[in-house]
Amino acid sequence: QARFSSGQEWLQSVTLVPENHSLTLHAGRRHLTLKTADLQHYAGERGKRGHKLPRGLQKVSSVEVAE
């Protein structure tokens, strides 16, 4: 909460991903597709952040949901 209030951390986007769908993150010319099981690694508990994305994919420019 304090880091968010001070501007050190921020929320870029919120996307709903239905079951059995995948999430593709785009960062420049790179992209990463995460299936439902892969997303669990990056999810945090309520009010806490999850794990960071791999290097080179931390500045996400767009998000796409696919079946």
Protein backbone atom coordinates (compact mmCIF):
# COMPACT_ATOMS: atom_id res chain seq x y z
CA GLN A 1 0.00 0.00 0.00
CA ALA A 2 2.72 2.49 0.90
CA ARG A 3 4.75 1.82 -2.27
CA PHE A 4 1.63 2.28 -4.39
CA SER A 5 0.75 5.54 -2.64
CA SER A 6 4.27 6.91 -3.07
CA GLY A 7 4.36 6.01 -6.80
CA GLN A 8 7.10 3.36 -6.50
CA GLU A 9 4.67 0.67 -7.71
CA TRP A 10 1.55 0.85 -9.83
CA LEU A 11 -1.12 -1.27 -11.45
CA GLN A 12 -0.92 -1.26 -15.25
CA SER A 13 -3.98 -3.30 -16.20
CA VAL A 14 -6.57 -5.78 -15.01
CA THR A 15 -7.73 -8.55 -17.34
CA LEU A 16 -10.21 -11.35 -16.73
CA VAL A 17 -9.09 -14.69 -18.16
CA PRO A 18 -11.79 -17.37 -18.44
CA GLU A 19 -10.88 -20.98 -17.62
CA ASN A 20 -9.16 -22.88 -20.43
CA HIS A 21 -8.07 -19.64 -22.13
CA SER A 22 -4.56 -18.29 -22.47
CA LEU A 23 -3.11 -14.85 -21.84
CA THR A 24 -0.52 -13.38 -24.20
CA LEU A 25 1.63 -10.51 -22.95
CA HIS A 26 3.40 -8.30 -25.48
CA ALA A 27 6.49 -6.26 -24.60
CA GLY A 28 7.97 -4.65 -27.70
CA ARG A 29 8.71 -7.42 -30.20
CA ARG A 30 8.71 -10.13 -27.51
CA HIS A 31 5.66 -11.99 -26.29
CA LEU A 32 4.83 -14.62 -23.69
CA THR A 33 1.75 -16.87 -23.75
CA LEU A 34 0.59 -18.17 -20.39
CA LYS A 35 -1.94 -20.98 -20.00
CA THR A 36 -4.25 -21.19 -16.99
CA ALA A 37 -1.82 -23.39 -15.02
CA ASP A 38 1.09 -21.01 -15.79
CA LEU A 39 -0.84 -18.03 -14.44
CA GLN A 40 -0.95 -19.56 -10.95
CA HIS A 41 2.79 -18.92 -10.60
CA TYR A 42 2.30 -15.18 -11.08
CA ALA A 43 -0.82 -14.81 -8.94
CA GLY A 44 -0.49 -13.38 -5.45
CA GLU A 45 -2.67 -13.76 -2.41
CA ARG A 46 -5.35 -11.15 -1.84
CA GLY A 47 -3.71 -7.77 -1.44
CA LYS A 48 -0.21 -9.10 -2.19
CA ARG A 49 1.75 -9.13 -5.41
CA GLY A 50 2.78 -12.29 -7.20
CA HIS A 51 6.10 -13.14 -8.87
CA LYS A 52 7.71 -10.84 -11.43
CA LEU A 53 7.61 -11.60 -15.13
CA PRO A 54 10.84 -12.77 -16.80
CA ARG A 55 13.40 -10.13 -17.80
CA GLY A 56 12.59 -8.49 -21.10
CA LEU A 57 8.86 -8.92 -20.52
CA GLN A 58 8.36 -6.65 -17.52
CA LYS A 59 7.30 -3.61 -19.58
CA VAL A 60 4.10 -5.02 -21.03
CA SER A 61 2.67 -2.93 -23.88
CA SER A 62 -0.47 -5.00 -24.57
CA VAL A 63 -2.42 -7.98 -23.24
CA GLU A 64 -4.47 -10.44 -25.29
CA VAL A 65 -6.81 -13.27 -24.21
CA ALA A 66 -7.24 -16.26 -26.58
CA GLU A 67 -9.00 -19.63 -26.49
